[in-house]
Amino acid sequence: MKKCFVGLIAVLTFGMVVPPPVHVATKETKENIQEEDHQAALSKSTAHIHEASDEKDQDKRHSASRSIDFRTAAEQCRTKEELIAAFSAYAAKEAKKQGTKKFGQTVSERIGDRYFDEIVPAFTHALAQLNQARDPEWIKNLEVTQSPASGMGERILHVYQADTGRDVMKLHVRRDHPPLEGYWFSFHYHSAADDFQNHHELKRIYWGKNTPPKWRA
């Protein structure tokens, strides 16, 4: 068929025009292309897996290094009340640090002081109440996350059991936009005491009519 097509063009153009060669991919060429695509997709997938794994490892390393001050204080605590106070102080310090990291410069300049003065104390108070029902060894095993959510994510930090990874309390912030009211930041927490079913509001802070920047922007 190809030879016929070439001959027909040559006859019609009196040999003045030479038709372009017709390329037909062989079975082997197609298989090679498919194999290259497969290897590229596999490499991309593997890269994402390694990246996610690196983030988890980094979070663990940060948790280990940043919890040294609490571990040191815990060893010196003689009573359960002192232990609760020590972890509350550690959690407050981390809540401020992770909140600032999450907000970014623009949001921090607007609401940072109120977050430090109103949200963090309310959260650590609720955390202390939860710890009242636990034994000292359970409290000593507590840790906090180091990766506040970016974009539109709600997470500021989670308190969890270091040995099992189970969450104990979650400090979140949600963006609310009631009609004609502008934007609000709704700070709240979720607790293992009710299996994280309820939404415990800490404070709402008004932003304004303009859309706030995304987290960690």
N, C-alpha and C. Protein backbone atom coordinates (compact mmCIF):
# COMPACT_ATOMS: atom_id res chain seq x y z
N MET A 1 0.83 -1.21 0.00
CA MET A 1 0.00 0.00 0.00
C MET A 1 0.87 1.26 0.00
N LYS A 2 1.96 1.26 0.80
CA LYS A 2 2.84 2.43 0.85
C LYS A 2 3.52 2.65 -0.50
N LYS A 3 3.98 1.53 -1.11
CA LYS A 3 4.64 1.66 -2.41
C LYS A 3 3.67 2.20 -3.45
N CYS A 4 2.44 1.77 -3.37
CA CYS A 4 1.40 2.25 -4.30
C CYS A 4 1.17 3.73 -4.11
N PHE A 5 1.11 4.17 -2.87
CA PHE A 5 0.88 5.58 -2.56
C PHE A 5 2.02 6.44 -3.08
N VAL A 6 3.26 5.98 -2.90
CA VAL A 6 4.43 6.73 -3.39
C VAL A 6 4.44 6.79 -4.91
N GLY A 7 4.13 5.66 -5.54
CA GLY A 7 4.12 5.64 -7.01
C GLY A 7 3.05 6.54 -7.56
N LEU A 8 1.89 6.58 -6.93
CA LEU A 8 0.78 7.41 -7.40
C LEU A 8 1.16 8.88 -7.36
N ILE A 9 1.82 9.32 -6.27
CA ILE A 9 2.21 10.72 -6.16
C ILE A 9 3.26 11.06 -7.22
N ALA A 10 4.18 10.14 -7.45
CA ALA A 10 5.22 10.38 -8.46
C ALA A 10 4.63 10.53 -9.85
N VAL A 11 3.64 9.72 -10.16
CA VAL A 11 3.01 9.80 -11.48
C VAL A 11 2.26 11.10 -11.62
N LEU A 12 1.47 11.46 -10.59
CA LEU A 12 0.65 12.66 -10.69
C LEU A 12 1.48 13.94 -10.75
N THR A 13 2.67 13.90 -10.17
CA THR A 13 3.50 15.12 -10.17
C THR A 13 4.65 15.01 -11.15
N PHE A 14 4.62 13.99 -12.03
CA PHE A 14 5.68 13.78 -13.03
C PHE A 14 7.06 13.68 -12.39
N GLY A 15 7.08 13.14 -11.19
CA GLY A 15 8.36 12.93 -10.51
C GLY A 15 8.96 14.17 -9.94
N MET A 16 8.24 15.31 -9.98
CA MET A 16 8.79 16.57 -9.49
C MET A 16 8.75 16.66 -7.97
N VAL A 17 7.82 15.98 -7.34
CA VAL A 17 7.66 16.05 -5.89
C VAL A 17 7.93 14.69 -5.31
N VAL A 18 8.77 14.68 -4.35
CA VAL A 18 9.06 13.43 -3.65
C VAL A 18 8.28 13.43 -2.34
N PRO A 19 7.37 12.50 -2.15
CA PRO A 19 6.54 12.49 -0.94
C PRO A 19 7.40 12.23 0.28
N PRO A 20 6.97 12.80 1.42
CA PRO A 20 7.72 12.57 2.66
C PRO A 20 7.61 11.13 3.07
N PRO A 21 8.65 10.61 3.72
CA PRO A 21 8.60 9.21 4.13
C PRO A 21 7.51 9.00 5.16
N VAL A 22 6.87 7.87 5.08
CA VAL A 22 5.81 7.53 6.02
C VAL A 22 6.44 6.69 7.12
N HIS A 23 6.37 7.21 8.37
CA HIS A 23 6.96 6.51 9.50
C HIS A 23 5.90 5.68 10.19
N VAL A 24 6.18 4.46 10.37
CA VAL A 24 5.26 3.56 11.06
C VAL A 24 6.01 2.94 12.23
N ALA A 25 5.50 3.19 13.46
CA ALA A 25 6.17 2.66 14.65
C ALA A 25 6.05 1.15 14.68
N THR A 26 7.17 0.52 14.85
CA THR A 26 7.15 -0.93 14.94
C THR A 26 6.66 -1.34 16.31
N LYS A 27 6.35 -2.62 16.43
CA LYS A 27 5.89 -3.15 17.71
C LYS A 27 6.95 -2.96 18.78
N GLU A 28 8.24 -3.14 18.34
CA GLU A 28 9.33 -2.99 19.29
C GLU A 28 9.45 -1.56 19.79
N THR A 29 9.26 -0.57 18.87
CA THR A 29 9.35 0.84 19.25
C THR A 29 8.25 1.19 20.24
N LYS A 30 7.03 0.74 19.97
CA LYS A 30 5.91 1.01 20.89
C LYS A 30 6.17 0.44 22.26
N GLU A 31 6.72 -0.78 22.28
CA GLU A 31 7.00 -1.40 23.56
C GLU A 31 8.07 -0.62 24.33
N ASN A 32 9.06 -0.10 23.59
CA ASN A 32 10.10 0.69 24.24
C ASN A 32 9.54 1.97 24.84
N ILE A 33 8.65 2.62 24.09
CA ILE A 33 8.02 3.86 24.58
C ILE A 33 7.19 3.59 25.82
N GLN A 34 6.41 2.49 25.76
CA GLN A 34 5.58 2.14 26.91
C GLN A 34 6.44 1.83 28.13
N GLU A 35 7.58 1.16 27.91
CA GLU A 35 8.47 0.82 29.02
C GLU A 35 9.08 2.08 29.63
N GLU A 36 9.45 3.05 28.76
CA GLU A 36 10.02 4.30 29.25
C GLU A 36 9.00 5.08 30.06
N ASP A 37 7.74 5.13 29.57
CA ASP A 37 6.68 5.81 30.31
C ASP A 37 6.45 5.16 31.67
N HIS A 38 6.48 3.83 31.67
CA HIS A 38 6.27 3.09 32.92
C HIS A 38 7.38 3.38 33.92
N GLN A 39 8.63 3.39 33.44
CA GLN A 39 9.76 3.66 34.32
C GLN A 39 9.71 5.09 34.86
N ALA A 40 9.28 6.04 34.01
CA ALA A 40 9.19 7.43 34.45
C ALA A 40 8.12 7.58 35.53
N ALA A 41 6.97 6.93 35.32
CA ALA A 41 5.90 7.00 36.31
C ALA A 41 6.32 6.35 37.61
N LEU A 42 7.04 5.23 37.51
CA LEU A 42 7.51 4.52 38.69
C LEU A 42 8.50 5.37 39.47
N SER A 43 9.40 6.04 38.75
CA SER A 43 10.39 6.90 39.41
C SER A 43 9.71 8.06 40.12
N LYS A 44 8.70 8.63 39.48
CA LYS A 44 7.97 9.75 40.08
C LYS A 44 7.25 9.31 41.34
N SER A 45 6.61 8.13 41.27
CA SER A 45 5.90 7.60 42.43
C SER A 45 6.86 7.31 43.57
N THR A 46 8.01 6.74 43.26
CA THR A 46 9.01 6.43 44.28
C THR A 46 9.53 7.70 44.94
N ALA A 47 9.70 8.75 44.12
CA ALA A 47 10.19 10.02 44.66
C ALA A 47 9.20 10.59 45.67
N HIS A 48 7.88 10.49 45.35
CA HIS A 48 6.86 10.99 46.27
C HIS A 48 6.87 10.20 47.57
N ILE A 49 7.06 8.89 47.47
CA ILE A 49 7.10 8.04 48.67
C ILE A 49 8.27 8.42 49.55
N HIS A 50 9.45 8.60 48.93
CA HIS A 50 10.63 8.98 49.70
C HIS A 50 10.46 10.35 50.33
N GLU A 51 9.82 11.28 49.59
CA GLU A 51 9.60 12.63 50.11
C GLU A 51 8.71 12.59 51.34
N ALA A 52 7.60 11.81 51.25
CA ALA A 52 6.68 11.70 52.38
C ALA A 52 7.37 11.05 53.58
N SER A 53 8.19 10.03 53.29
CA SER A 53 8.92 9.35 54.35
C SER A 53 9.92 10.29 55.02
N ASP A 54 10.59 11.11 54.21
CA ASP A 54 11.55 12.07 54.75
C ASP A 54 10.87 13.08 55.65
N GLU A 55 9.65 13.52 55.26
CA GLU A 55 8.92 14.48 56.07
C GLU A 55 8.55 13.88 57.42
N LYS A 56 8.13 12.59 57.42
CA LYS A 56 7.79 11.94 58.67
C LYS A 56 9.02 11.78 59.56
N ASP A 57 10.14 11.38 58.96
CA ASP A 57 11.37 11.22 59.72
C ASP A 57 11.83 12.55 60.30
N GLN A 58 11.70 13.60 59.50
CA GLN A 58 12.10 14.92 59.96
C GLN A 58 11.23 15.36 61.12
N ASP A 59 9.91 15.08 61.03
CA ASP A 59 8.99 15.44 62.10
C ASP A 59 9.36 14.71 63.39
N LYS A 60 9.74 13.43 63.27
CA LYS A 60 10.14 12.65 64.44
C LYS A 60 11.42 13.21 65.06
N ARG A 61 12.38 13.59 64.21
CA ARG A 61 13.62 14.14 64.72
C ARG A 61 13.38 15.45 65.45
N HIS A 62 12.52 16.29 64.86
CA HIS A 62 12.20 17.56 65.51
C HIS A 62 11.51 17.33 66.84
N SER A 63 10.58 16.37 66.87
CA SER A 63 9.86 16.09 68.11
C SER A 63 10.83 15.64 69.19
N ALA A 64 11.77 14.77 68.82
CA ALA A 64 12.73 14.25 69.79
C ALA A 64 13.61 15.37 70.35
N SER A 65 14.09 16.25 69.47
CA SER A 65 14.99 17.31 69.91
C SER A 65 14.26 18.39 70.70
N ARG A 66 13.05 18.72 70.31
CA ARG A 66 12.32 19.80 70.95
C ARG A 66 11.70 19.39 72.28
N SER A 67 11.55 18.08 72.53
CA SER A 67 10.93 17.62 73.76
C SER A 67 11.92 17.41 74.89
N ILE A 68 13.21 17.69 74.63
CA ILE A 68 14.24 17.50 75.65
C ILE A 68 13.94 18.34 76.88
N ASP A 69 13.48 19.60 76.67
CA ASP A 69 13.21 20.46 77.81
C ASP A 69 12.09 19.90 78.67
N PHE A 70 11.06 19.30 78.06
CA PHE A 70 9.99 18.70 78.84
C PHE A 70 10.48 17.45 79.56
N ARG A 71 11.25 16.61 78.86
CA ARG A 71 11.77 15.38 79.49
C ARG A 71 12.62 15.73 80.71
N THR A 72 13.44 16.75 80.57
CA THR A 72 14.29 17.17 81.68
C THR A 72 13.46 17.66 82.86
N ALA A 73 12.44 18.47 82.54
CA ALA A 73 11.56 18.99 83.59
C ALA A 73 10.76 17.87 84.24
N ALA A 74 10.33 16.90 83.43
CA ALA A 74 9.51 15.80 83.96
C ALA A 74 10.27 14.98 84.99
N GLU A 75 11.58 14.82 84.77
CA GLU A 75 12.39 14.05 85.71
C GLU A 75 12.48 14.73 87.08
N GLN A 76 12.29 16.03 87.11
CA GLN A 76 12.40 16.77 88.35
C GLN A 76 11.06 16.97 89.05
N CYS A 77 9.97 16.57 88.37
CA CYS A 77 8.64 16.75 88.95
C CYS A 77 8.39 15.70 90.03
N ARG A 78 7.95 16.15 91.18
CA ARG A 78 7.69 15.24 92.29
C ARG A 78 6.22 14.86 92.41
N THR A 79 5.35 15.67 91.84
CA THR A 79 3.92 15.39 91.93
C THR A 79 3.29 15.40 90.54
N LYS A 80 2.11 14.85 90.45
CA LYS A 80 1.37 14.83 89.19
C LYS A 80 1.04 16.26 88.75
N GLU A 81 0.71 17.12 89.69
CA GLU A 81 0.37 18.51 89.37
C GLU A 81 1.56 19.23 88.74
N GLU A 82 2.75 18.98 89.26
CA GLU A 82 3.95 19.58 88.68
C GLU A 82 4.20 19.05 87.28
N LEU A 83 3.92 17.78 87.07
CA LEU A 83 4.11 17.17 85.75
C LEU A 83 3.14 17.77 84.74
N ILE A 84 1.90 17.93 85.15
CA ILE A 84 0.90 18.54 84.27
C ILE A 84 1.29 19.97 83.92
N ALA A 85 1.76 20.71 84.92
CA ALA A 85 2.18 22.09 84.68
C ALA A 85 3.38 22.14 83.72
N ALA A 86 4.28 21.19 83.86
CA ALA A 86 5.47 21.16 82.99
C ALA A 86 5.09 20.90 81.55
N PHE A 87 4.18 19.93 81.34
CA PHE A 87 3.79 19.65 79.96
C PHE A 87 2.93 20.79 79.40
N SER A 88 2.11 21.40 80.23
CA SER A 88 1.30 22.54 79.76
C SER A 88 2.20 23.67 79.29
N ALA A 89 3.28 23.92 80.02
CA ALA A 89 4.22 24.97 79.62
C ALA A 89 4.90 24.62 78.30
N TYR A 90 5.28 23.35 78.17
CA TYR A 90 5.90 22.90 76.92
C TYR A 90 4.92 23.00 75.76
N ALA A 91 3.67 22.57 75.97
CA ALA A 91 2.66 22.63 74.91
C ALA A 91 2.35 24.07 74.51
N ALA A 92 2.33 24.98 75.50
CA ALA A 92 2.07 26.40 75.21
C ALA A 92 3.20 26.98 74.35
N LYS A 93 4.42 26.64 74.70
CA LYS A 93 5.57 27.11 73.92
C LYS A 93 5.49 26.63 72.48
N GLU A 94 5.16 25.34 72.30
CA GLU A 94 5.06 24.79 70.96
C GLU A 94 3.86 25.33 70.20
N ALA A 95 2.75 25.56 70.88
CA ALA A 95 1.55 26.11 70.23
C ALA A 95 1.84 27.50 69.68
N LYS A 96 2.59 28.29 70.42
CA LYS A 96 2.97 29.62 69.94
C LYS A 96 3.89 29.52 68.72
N LYS A 97 4.85 28.61 68.83
CA LYS A 97 5.82 28.45 67.74
C LYS A 97 5.15 27.92 66.47
N GLN A 98 4.34 26.87 66.63
CA GLN A 98 3.68 26.27 65.46
C GLN A 98 2.61 27.19 64.88
N GLY A 99 1.93 27.95 65.76
CA GLY A 99 0.95 28.91 65.28
C GLY A 99 1.58 30.00 64.43
N THR A 100 2.70 30.54 64.90
CA THR A 100 3.41 31.57 64.15
C THR A 100 3.88 31.03 62.81
N LYS A 101 4.36 29.80 62.81
CA LYS A 101 4.81 29.17 61.57
C LYS A 101 3.65 28.99 60.60
N LYS A 102 2.50 28.61 61.12
CA LYS A 102 1.33 28.38 60.27
C LYS A 102 0.77 29.68 59.70
N PHE A 103 0.69 30.71 60.53
CA PHE A 103 0.05 31.95 60.11
C PHE A 103 0.81 32.67 59.01
N GLY A 104 2.12 32.63 59.05
CA GLY A 104 2.89 33.45 58.13
C GLY A 104 2.95 34.88 58.64
N GLN A 105 3.76 35.69 58.02
CA GLN A 105 4.01 37.04 58.53
C GLN A 105 2.76 37.92 58.52
N THR A 106 2.01 37.90 57.43
CA THR A 106 0.87 38.81 57.30
C THR A 106 -0.19 38.55 58.36
N VAL A 107 -0.57 37.28 58.53
CA VAL A 107 -1.60 36.94 59.51
C VAL A 107 -1.07 37.12 60.93
N SER A 108 0.18 36.76 61.17
CA SER A 108 0.76 36.90 62.51
C SER A 108 0.75 38.35 62.98
N GLU A 109 1.03 39.27 62.06
CA GLU A 109 1.05 40.68 62.44
C GLU A 109 -0.33 41.18 62.87
N ARG A 110 -1.37 40.54 62.33
CA ARG A 110 -2.74 40.98 62.62
C ARG A 110 -3.32 40.31 63.86
N ILE A 111 -3.09 39.01 64.03
CA ILE A 111 -3.78 38.29 65.10
C ILE A 111 -2.82 37.59 66.08
N GLY A 112 -1.52 37.73 65.87
CA GLY A 112 -0.56 37.00 66.68
C GLY A 112 -0.69 37.24 68.18
N ASP A 113 -0.85 38.50 68.58
CA ASP A 113 -0.94 38.82 70.01
C ASP A 113 -2.18 38.20 70.65
N ARG A 114 -3.29 38.25 69.96
CA ARG A 114 -4.52 37.67 70.52
C ARG A 114 -4.42 36.15 70.58
N TYR A 115 -3.75 35.57 69.60
CA TYR A 115 -3.55 34.13 69.63
C TYR A 115 -2.71 33.73 70.84
N PHE A 116 -1.63 34.46 71.10
CA PHE A 116 -0.78 34.18 72.25
C PHE A 116 -1.52 34.37 73.57
N ASP A 117 -2.29 35.46 73.67
CA ASP A 117 -2.90 35.86 74.94
C ASP A 117 -4.23 35.16 75.24
N GLU A 118 -4.94 34.72 74.19
CA GLU A 118 -6.28 34.18 74.41
C GLU A 118 -6.42 32.71 74.00
N ILE A 119 -5.90 32.36 72.84
CA ILE A 119 -6.10 31.01 72.31
C ILE A 119 -5.20 29.99 73.02
N VAL A 120 -3.91 30.28 73.09
CA VAL A 120 -2.96 29.34 73.67
C VAL A 120 -3.28 29.02 75.13
N PRO A 121 -3.55 30.01 75.99
CA PRO A 121 -3.90 29.67 77.38
C PRO A 121 -5.18 28.83 77.49
N ALA A 122 -6.17 29.12 76.66
CA ALA A 122 -7.41 28.35 76.69
C ALA A 122 -7.17 26.90 76.27
N PHE A 123 -6.31 26.72 75.28
CA PHE A 123 -6.01 25.36 74.82
C PHE A 123 -5.24 24.58 75.88
N THR A 124 -4.22 25.17 76.46
CA THR A 124 -3.43 24.46 77.47
C THR A 124 -4.24 24.19 78.73
N HIS A 125 -5.21 25.03 79.03
CA HIS A 125 -6.11 24.78 80.16
C HIS A 125 -6.94 23.52 79.90
N ALA A 126 -7.48 23.40 78.69
CA ALA A 126 -8.25 22.21 78.34
C ALA A 126 -7.37 20.96 78.34
N LEU A 127 -6.13 21.12 77.90
CA LEU A 127 -5.19 20.00 77.90
C LEU A 127 -4.87 19.56 79.33
N ALA A 128 -4.69 20.51 80.22
CA ALA A 128 -4.41 20.19 81.62
C ALA A 128 -5.59 19.44 82.25
N GLN A 129 -6.80 19.83 81.91
CA GLN A 129 -7.98 19.13 82.44
C GLN A 129 -8.02 17.69 81.96
N LEU A 130 -7.65 17.48 80.70
CA LEU A 130 -7.61 16.12 80.17
C LEU A 130 -6.56 15.29 80.90
N ASN A 131 -5.42 15.88 81.19
CA ASN A 131 -4.33 15.16 81.85
C ASN A 131 -4.64 14.84 83.31
N GLN A 132 -5.58 15.57 83.90
CA GLN A 132 -5.94 15.31 85.29
C GLN A 132 -6.47 13.88 85.47
N ALA A 133 -7.09 13.35 84.41
CA ALA A 133 -7.68 12.02 84.50
C ALA A 133 -6.69 10.91 84.14
N ARG A 134 -5.42 11.26 83.90
CA ARG A 134 -4.42 10.28 83.47
C ARG A 134 -3.34 10.11 84.53
N ASP A 135 -2.62 9.00 84.43
CA ASP A 135 -1.54 8.75 85.38
C ASP A 135 -0.25 9.42 84.90
N PRO A 136 0.73 9.60 85.78
CA PRO A 136 1.96 10.31 85.42
C PRO A 136 2.71 9.71 84.24
N GLU A 137 2.78 8.38 84.15
CA GLU A 137 3.52 7.76 83.05
C GLU A 137 2.88 8.09 81.71
N TRP A 138 1.58 8.17 81.70
CA TRP A 138 0.85 8.52 80.46
C TRP A 138 1.20 9.94 80.04
N ILE A 139 1.29 10.85 81.01
CA ILE A 139 1.61 12.25 80.72
C ILE A 139 3.04 12.38 80.22
N LYS A 140 3.95 11.62 80.82
CA LYS A 140 5.35 11.68 80.41
C LYS A 140 5.54 11.22 78.96
N ASN A 141 4.61 10.45 78.46
CA ASN A 141 4.69 9.89 77.11
C ASN A 141 4.10 10.81 76.04
N LEU A 142 3.63 11.97 76.44
CA LEU A 142 3.00 12.90 75.48
C LEU A 142 4.04 13.61 74.62
N GLU A 143 3.64 13.92 73.39
CA GLU A 143 4.48 14.67 72.46
C GLU A 143 3.58 15.52 71.59
N VAL A 144 4.16 16.48 70.89
CA VAL A 144 3.38 17.35 69.99
C VAL A 144 3.97 17.28 68.58
N THR A 145 3.12 17.48 67.58
CA THR A 145 3.57 17.48 66.19
C THR A 145 4.30 18.79 65.87
N GLN A 146 5.06 18.76 64.77
CA GLN A 146 5.86 19.91 64.39
C GLN A 146 5.54 20.39 62.97
N SER A 147 4.42 19.96 62.42
CA SER A 147 4.12 20.28 61.02
C SER A 147 2.73 20.87 60.87
N PRO A 148 2.56 22.18 61.15
CA PRO A 148 1.24 22.79 60.95
C PRO A 148 0.83 22.75 59.48
N ALA A 149 -0.45 22.57 59.24
CA ALA A 149 -0.95 22.44 57.87
C ALA A 149 -0.81 23.76 57.12
N SER A 150 -0.54 23.65 55.83
CA SER A 150 -0.43 24.82 54.96
C SER A 150 -1.71 24.95 54.13
N GLY A 151 -1.74 25.95 53.25
CA GLY A 151 -2.88 26.12 52.35
C GLY A 151 -4.15 26.45 53.11
N MET A 152 -5.13 25.53 53.03
CA MET A 152 -6.41 25.71 53.71
C MET A 152 -6.59 24.72 54.86
N GLY A 153 -5.54 23.96 55.18
CA GLY A 153 -5.62 22.96 56.24
C GLY A 153 -5.83 23.60 57.61
N GLU A 154 -6.45 22.87 58.54
CA GLU A 154 -6.82 23.41 59.85
C GLU A 154 -5.77 23.18 60.94
N ARG A 155 -4.94 22.16 60.80
CA ARG A 155 -4.08 21.75 61.91
C ARG A 155 -3.04 22.80 62.29
N ILE A 156 -2.99 23.12 63.58
CA ILE A 156 -1.90 23.90 64.16
C ILE A 156 -0.91 22.93 64.78
N LEU A 157 -1.40 22.14 65.74
CA LEU A 157 -0.59 21.05 66.27
C LEU A 157 -1.50 19.99 66.88
N HIS A 158 -0.98 18.78 66.98
CA HIS A 158 -1.67 17.67 67.65
C HIS A 158 -0.81 17.21 68.82
N VAL A 159 -1.45 16.88 69.92
CA VAL A 159 -0.79 16.24 71.05
C VAL A 159 -1.05 14.74 70.91
N TYR A 160 -0.01 13.93 71.04
CA TYR A 160 -0.19 12.50 70.81
C TYR A 160 0.70 11.69 71.74
N GLN A 161 0.40 10.39 71.82
CA GLN A 161 1.21 9.47 72.60
C GLN A 161 2.42 9.04 71.78
N ALA A 162 3.61 9.27 72.31
CA ALA A 162 4.83 9.02 71.55
C ALA A 162 5.02 7.55 71.21
N ASP A 163 4.59 6.65 72.09
CA ASP A 163 4.85 5.22 71.84
C ASP A 163 3.89 4.61 70.83
N THR A 164 2.66 5.11 70.76
CA THR A 164 1.68 4.53 69.84
C THR A 164 1.35 5.44 68.66
N GLY A 165 1.63 6.74 68.78
CA GLY A 165 1.27 7.69 67.73
C GLY A 165 -0.19 8.11 67.76
N ARG A 166 -0.93 7.67 68.76
CA ARG A 166 -2.35 8.01 68.84
C ARG A 166 -2.54 9.45 69.30
N ASP A 167 -3.41 10.17 68.60
CA ASP A 167 -3.69 11.55 68.96
C ASP A 167 -4.46 11.62 70.27
N VAL A 168 -4.18 12.68 71.02
CA VAL A 168 -4.85 12.91 72.30
C VAL A 168 -5.71 14.17 72.22
N MET A 169 -5.15 15.22 71.64
CA MET A 169 -5.89 16.47 71.45
C MET A 169 -5.38 17.18 70.20
N LYS A 170 -6.28 17.83 69.49
CA LYS A 170 -5.93 18.50 68.24
C LYS A 170 -6.31 19.98 68.31
N LEU A 171 -5.33 20.85 68.11
CA LEU A 171 -5.57 22.28 68.05
C LEU A 171 -5.69 22.70 66.59
N HIS A 172 -6.86 23.21 66.23
CA HIS A 172 -7.15 23.56 64.83
C HIS A 172 -7.65 24.99 64.72
N VAL A 173 -7.62 25.51 63.49
CA VAL A 173 -8.24 26.79 63.18
C VAL A 173 -8.94 26.66 61.83
N ARG A 174 -10.19 27.11 61.80
CA ARG A 174 -10.99 27.03 60.58
C ARG A 174 -11.34 28.45 60.11
N ARG A 175 -11.42 28.60 58.81
CA ARG A 175 -11.83 29.89 58.24
C ARG A 175 -13.34 29.89 58.05
N ASP A 176 -14.02 30.83 58.65
CA ASP A 176 -15.46 30.97 58.47
C ASP A 176 -15.74 32.24 57.68
N HIS A 177 -16.75 32.17 56.82
CA HIS A 177 -17.11 33.33 56.00
C HIS A 177 -18.63 33.45 55.93
N PRO A 178 -19.25 33.89 57.04
CA PRO A 178 -20.71 34.08 57.03
C PRO A 178 -21.10 35.15 56.02
N PRO A 179 -22.24 35.03 55.39
CA PRO A 179 -22.67 36.02 54.40
C PRO A 179 -22.67 37.44 54.97
N LEU A 180 -22.06 38.35 54.25
CA LEU A 180 -22.03 39.78 54.56
C LEU A 180 -21.24 40.12 55.83
N GLU A 181 -20.54 39.17 56.42
CA GLU A 181 -19.82 39.43 57.66
C GLU A 181 -18.31 39.53 57.50
N GLY A 182 -17.78 39.07 56.39
CA GLY A 182 -16.34 39.01 56.26
C GLY A 182 -15.81 37.68 56.76
N TYR A 183 -14.50 37.63 57.04
CA TYR A 183 -13.85 36.37 57.41
C TYR A 183 -13.52 36.33 58.90
N TRP A 184 -13.72 35.15 59.47
CA TRP A 184 -13.38 34.88 60.87
C TRP A 184 -12.44 33.69 60.95
N PHE A 185 -11.56 33.71 61.95
CA PHE A 185 -10.76 32.54 62.26
C PHE A 185 -11.36 31.87 63.49
N SER A 186 -11.82 30.65 63.33
CA SER A 186 -12.44 29.92 64.42
C SER A 186 -11.43 28.93 65.01
N PHE A 187 -10.90 29.26 66.17
CA PHE A 187 -9.94 28.39 66.85
C PHE A 187 -10.69 27.39 67.73
N HIS A 188 -10.35 26.13 67.63
CA HIS A 188 -11.06 25.10 68.36
C HIS A 188 -10.15 23.89 68.58
N TYR A 189 -10.62 22.95 69.38
CA TYR A 189 -9.85 21.73 69.57
C TYR A 189 -10.78 20.52 69.53
N HIS A 190 -10.20 19.37 69.26
CA HIS A 190 -10.88 18.08 69.30
C HIS A 190 -10.15 17.21 70.31
N SER A 191 -10.90 16.41 71.05
CA SER A 191 -10.31 15.66 72.15
C SER A 191 -10.62 14.17 72.06
N ALA A 192 -9.64 13.37 72.49
CA ALA A 192 -9.84 11.92 72.56
C ALA A 192 -10.86 11.56 73.62
N ALA A 193 -11.15 12.48 74.55
CA ALA A 193 -12.11 12.21 75.62
C ALA A 193 -13.51 11.92 75.07
N ASP A 194 -13.83 12.48 73.90
CA ASP A 194 -15.12 12.19 73.26
C ASP A 194 -14.92 11.59 71.87
N ASP A 195 -13.75 10.93 71.69
CA ASP A 195 -13.42 10.28 70.42
C ASP A 195 -13.41 11.28 69.26
N PHE A 196 -13.05 12.53 69.56
CA PHE A 196 -12.92 13.59 68.55
C PHE A 196 -14.23 13.88 67.82
N GLN A 197 -15.34 13.58 68.48
CA GLN A 197 -16.64 13.78 67.84
C GLN A 197 -17.12 15.23 67.94
N ASN A 198 -16.74 15.92 68.99
CA ASN A 198 -17.24 17.28 69.23
C ASN A 198 -16.23 18.34 68.83
N HIS A 199 -16.77 19.48 68.55
CA HIS A 199 -15.99 20.64 68.14
C HIS A 199 -16.00 21.62 69.31
N HIS A 200 -14.87 21.76 70.01
CA HIS A 200 -14.79 22.61 71.20
C HIS A 200 -14.20 23.96 70.82
N GLU A 201 -15.03 24.97 70.77
CA GLU A 201 -14.57 26.29 70.33
C GLU A 201 -13.79 26.98 71.44
N LEU A 202 -12.65 27.57 71.06
CA LEU A 202 -11.83 28.33 71.99
C LEU A 202 -12.08 29.83 71.84
N LYS A 203 -12.05 30.30 70.60
CA LYS A 203 -12.22 31.74 70.35
C LYS A 203 -12.35 31.97 68.86
N ARG A 204 -13.13 32.98 68.49
CA ARG A 204 -13.21 33.41 67.10
C ARG A 204 -12.57 34.80 67.01
N ILE A 205 -11.70 34.96 66.02
CA ILE A 205 -11.04 36.25 65.80
C ILE A 205 -11.41 36.75 64.41
N TYR A 206 -11.87 37.98 64.37
CA TYR A 206 -12.31 38.56 63.10
C TYR A 206 -11.11 39.02 62.27
N TRP A 207 -11.15 38.69 60.99
CA TRP A 207 -10.08 39.10 60.07
C TRP A 207 -10.45 40.36 59.30
N GLY A 208 -11.59 40.35 58.63
CA GLY A 208 -12.00 41.49 57.82
C GLY A 208 -12.74 41.04 56.58
N LYS A 209 -13.04 42.00 55.71
CA LYS A 209 -13.80 41.70 54.49
C LYS A 209 -12.95 41.04 53.42
N ASN A 210 -11.68 41.37 53.39
CA ASN A 210 -10.80 40.81 52.35
C ASN A 210 -10.41 39.37 52.68
N THR A 211 -10.20 38.57 51.64
CA THR A 211 -9.81 37.18 51.82
C THR A 211 -8.44 37.09 52.46
N PRO A 212 -8.30 36.36 53.57
CA PRO A 212 -6.97 36.22 54.20
C PRO A 212 -6.06 35.34 53.37
N PRO A 213 -4.76 35.53 53.47
CA PRO A 213 -3.82 34.68 52.71
C PRO A 213 -3.87 33.24 53.20
N LYS A 214 -3.42 32.33 52.38
CA LYS A 214 -3.39 30.93 52.77
C LYS A 214 -2.36 30.73 53.88
N TRP A 215 -2.55 29.65 54.62
CA TRP A 215 -1.64 29.38 55.73
C TRP A 215 -0.22 29.11 55.23
N ARG A 216 0.72 29.56 56.03
CA ARG A 216 2.15 29.42 55.76
C ARG A 216 2.58 30.16 54.49
N ALA A 217 1.77 31.15 54.10
CA ALA A 217 2.10 31.93 52.90
C ALA A 217 3.13 33.01 53.24
